[in-house]
Structure formats: C-alpha cells, structure tokens
Amino acid sequence: MRLFNITAQVYKNNDVSKQSLLINQIVDADCDKKALDNFNLHFPSIEYNLVKVYSVEEISQDAS
C-alpha cells in the first residue's frame, strides 16, 4: 500500500454562511484513483459537506 494526501474544501453543515475550510486526509491505497475512491466512500459526514477535492498526492516514504 502507498500513502496519499488528499486536500479538499469542506464546510460545516450547520454554517449558514458556508464558510469553507481546507482539510488534508491521509489515505492508504494502491493508486491515486483508489485513494480518491476510498476518500469519497468514507468522507460522508454528519458534520461537514464536501465541496471539492483539490489534490491527491502520493506521500514519499523514503527510508532514512
């Protein structure tokens, strides 16, 4: 498995002004498409509404 950092724009469901926040979430997956699919599958939230996914980037795991 590889690690991917997903950056997305969300807002709180109870916020009438819909002020957006940027979030980052780390997801384990075989490829970027599967990482995004896993994120979309597990993100549905009672507290937040997803507006847009900005990036899906693989995180380097260099052995130091």
N, C-alpha and C. Protein backbone atom coordinates (compact mmCIF):
# COMPACT_ATOMS: atom_id res chain seq x y z
N MET A 1 0.84 -1.19 0.00
CA MET A 1 0.00 0.00 0.00
C MET A 1 0.88 1.25 0.00
N ARG A 2 0.35 2.27 -0.62
CA ARG A 2 1.02 3.56 -0.67
C ARG A 2 0.16 4.58 0.07
N LEU A 3 0.79 5.66 0.51
CA LEU A 3 0.06 6.72 1.22
C LEU A 3 -0.17 7.90 0.29
N PHE A 4 -1.40 8.44 0.35
CA PHE A 4 -1.76 9.61 -0.45
C PHE A 4 -2.34 10.67 0.47
N ASN A 5 -1.96 11.92 0.21
CA ASN A 5 -2.53 13.06 0.93
C ASN A 5 -3.61 13.67 0.04
N ILE A 6 -4.82 13.75 0.57
CA ILE A 6 -5.93 14.33 -0.18
C ILE A 6 -6.28 15.67 0.45
N THR A 7 -6.31 16.71 -0.38
CA THR A 7 -6.68 18.05 0.06
C THR A 7 -8.06 18.37 -0.51
N ALA A 8 -8.97 18.78 0.37
CA ALA A 8 -10.35 19.03 -0.07
C ALA A 8 -10.91 20.27 0.63
N GLN A 9 -11.91 20.86 0.00
CA GLN A 9 -12.63 22.01 0.55
C GLN A 9 -13.95 21.49 1.11
N VAL A 10 -14.26 21.88 2.35
CA VAL A 10 -15.50 21.46 3.01
C VAL A 10 -16.10 22.65 3.75
N TYR A 11 -17.35 22.50 4.18
CA TYR A 11 -17.93 23.47 5.10
C TYR A 11 -18.83 22.72 6.09
N LYS A 12 -19.01 23.33 7.26
CA LYS A 12 -19.87 22.71 8.28
C LYS A 12 -21.32 22.80 7.83
N ASN A 13 -22.04 21.72 8.01
CA ASN A 13 -23.45 21.69 7.59
C ASN A 13 -24.32 22.71 8.30
N ASN A 14 -23.99 23.03 9.55
CA ASN A 14 -24.82 23.98 10.30
C ASN A 14 -24.36 25.44 10.12
N ASP A 15 -23.40 25.69 9.25
CA ASP A 15 -22.90 27.05 9.00
C ASP A 15 -23.71 27.68 7.86
N VAL A 16 -24.60 28.61 8.20
CA VAL A 16 -25.46 29.23 7.19
C VAL A 16 -24.68 30.06 6.17
N SER A 17 -23.50 30.56 6.57
CA SER A 17 -22.68 31.33 5.63
C SER A 17 -21.83 30.43 4.74
N LYS A 18 -21.77 29.15 5.07
CA LYS A 18 -21.00 28.16 4.31
C LYS A 18 -19.54 28.56 4.13
N GLN A 19 -18.94 29.05 5.22
CA GLN A 19 -17.52 29.38 5.20
C GLN A 19 -16.72 28.10 5.01
N SER A 20 -15.88 28.08 4.00
CA SER A 20 -15.19 26.83 3.68
C SER A 20 -13.87 26.68 4.42
N LEU A 21 -13.48 25.42 4.56
CA LEU A 21 -12.23 25.03 5.21
C LEU A 21 -11.48 24.11 4.26
N LEU A 22 -10.16 24.14 4.31
CA LEU A 22 -9.37 23.17 3.58
C LEU A 22 -8.95 22.09 4.57
N ILE A 23 -9.12 20.84 4.18
CA ILE A 23 -8.70 19.73 5.03
C ILE A 23 -7.71 18.87 4.28
N ASN A 24 -6.90 18.16 5.02
CA ASN A 24 -5.99 17.16 4.47
C ASN A 24 -6.28 15.85 5.16
N GLN A 25 -6.34 14.79 4.37
CA GLN A 25 -6.57 13.47 4.93
C GLN A 25 -5.61 12.50 4.26
N ILE A 26 -4.98 11.63 5.06
CA ILE A 26 -4.08 10.62 4.55
C ILE A 26 -4.88 9.34 4.30
N VAL A 27 -4.68 8.75 3.11
CA VAL A 27 -5.42 7.56 2.71
C VAL A 27 -4.43 6.51 2.20
N ASP A 28 -4.60 5.25 2.62
CA ASP A 28 -3.82 4.12 2.10
C ASP A 28 -4.52 3.58 0.87
N ALA A 29 -3.76 3.37 -0.21
CA ALA A 29 -4.35 2.80 -1.42
C ALA A 29 -3.24 2.34 -2.35
N ASP A 30 -3.62 1.59 -3.38
CA ASP A 30 -2.66 1.11 -4.38
C ASP A 30 -2.31 2.18 -5.41
N CYS A 31 -3.27 3.09 -5.70
CA CYS A 31 -3.04 4.14 -6.70
C CYS A 31 -3.87 5.36 -6.33
N ASP A 32 -3.64 6.48 -7.01
CA ASP A 32 -4.33 7.72 -6.69
C ASP A 32 -5.83 7.62 -6.91
N LYS A 33 -6.26 6.89 -7.94
CA LYS A 33 -7.70 6.74 -8.20
C LYS A 33 -8.39 6.00 -7.06
N LYS A 34 -7.77 4.93 -6.58
CA LYS A 34 -8.34 4.17 -5.46
C LYS A 34 -8.32 5.00 -4.18
N ALA A 35 -7.29 5.83 -4.01
CA ALA A 35 -7.23 6.71 -2.83
C ALA A 35 -8.41 7.68 -2.84
N LEU A 36 -8.69 8.26 -4.00
CA LEU A 36 -9.81 9.19 -4.12
C LEU A 36 -11.14 8.46 -3.90
N ASP A 37 -11.27 7.26 -4.46
CA ASP A 37 -12.48 6.47 -4.26
C ASP A 37 -12.70 6.16 -2.78
N ASN A 38 -11.62 5.78 -2.07
CA ASN A 38 -11.71 5.49 -0.63
C ASN A 38 -12.09 6.73 0.15
N PHE A 39 -11.51 7.87 -0.22
CA PHE A 39 -11.84 9.12 0.45
C PHE A 39 -13.33 9.45 0.28
N ASN A 40 -13.82 9.37 -0.96
CA ASN A 40 -15.22 9.68 -1.23
C ASN A 40 -16.17 8.70 -0.55
N LEU A 41 -15.75 7.45 -0.42
CA LEU A 41 -16.56 6.44 0.23
C LEU A 41 -16.67 6.68 1.73
N HIS A 42 -15.57 7.12 2.35
CA HIS A 42 -15.54 7.26 3.81
C HIS A 42 -15.78 8.68 4.31
N PHE A 43 -15.80 9.66 3.40
CA PHE A 43 -15.96 11.04 3.86
C PHE A 43 -17.37 11.41 4.31
N PRO A 44 -18.42 10.87 3.70
CA PRO A 44 -19.75 11.37 4.08
C PRO A 44 -19.84 11.59 5.59
N SER A 45 -20.23 12.78 5.94
CA SER A 45 -20.16 13.21 7.33
C SER A 45 -21.44 13.93 7.73
N ILE A 46 -21.83 13.73 8.97
CA ILE A 46 -22.98 14.46 9.50
C ILE A 46 -22.59 15.92 9.73
N GLU A 47 -21.31 16.15 10.01
CA GLU A 47 -20.85 17.48 10.38
C GLU A 47 -20.40 18.35 9.20
N TYR A 48 -19.83 17.74 8.15
CA TYR A 48 -19.25 18.51 7.05
C TYR A 48 -19.83 18.11 5.71
N ASN A 49 -19.85 19.08 4.79
CA ASN A 49 -20.28 18.85 3.41
C ASN A 49 -19.06 19.05 2.51
N LEU A 50 -18.79 18.10 1.64
CA LEU A 50 -17.67 18.17 0.72
C LEU A 50 -18.02 19.09 -0.45
N VAL A 51 -17.15 20.05 -0.74
CA VAL A 51 -17.35 20.97 -1.85
C VAL A 51 -16.52 20.52 -3.05
N LYS A 52 -15.21 20.32 -2.82
CA LYS A 52 -14.33 20.00 -3.95
C LYS A 52 -13.06 19.33 -3.43
N VAL A 53 -12.56 18.36 -4.18
CA VAL A 53 -11.25 17.76 -3.91
C VAL A 53 -10.24 18.49 -4.79
N TYR A 54 -9.20 19.03 -4.17
CA TYR A 54 -8.21 19.80 -4.91
C TYR A 54 -7.03 18.96 -5.39
N SER A 55 -6.59 18.01 -4.57
CA SER A 55 -5.43 17.24 -5.00
C SER A 55 -5.38 15.88 -4.31
N VAL A 56 -4.74 14.96 -5.00
CA VAL A 56 -4.43 13.64 -4.46
C VAL A 56 -2.96 13.42 -4.78
N GLU A 57 -2.11 13.49 -3.75
CA GLU A 57 -0.68 13.42 -3.96
C GLU A 57 -0.07 12.28 -3.16
N GLU A 58 0.79 11.52 -3.81
CA GLU A 58 1.46 10.43 -3.10
C GLU A 58 2.49 11.01 -2.13
N ILE A 59 2.55 10.43 -0.96
CA ILE A 59 3.49 10.86 0.07
C ILE A 59 4.72 9.99 -0.04
N SER A 60 5.86 10.61 -0.15
CA SER A 60 7.12 9.87 -0.23
C SER A 60 7.40 9.16 1.08
N GLN A 61 7.83 7.92 0.99
CA GLN A 61 8.17 7.15 2.18
C GLN A 61 9.64 6.73 2.12
N ASP A 62 10.51 7.70 2.06
CA ASP A 62 11.95 7.44 1.98
C ASP A 62 12.44 6.78 3.26
N ALA A 63 13.23 5.77 3.12
CA ALA A 63 13.86 5.13 4.28
C ALA A 63 15.12 5.92 4.63
N SER A 64 15.12 6.54 5.78
CA SER A 64 16.27 7.37 6.17
C SER A 64 17.05 6.69 7.26
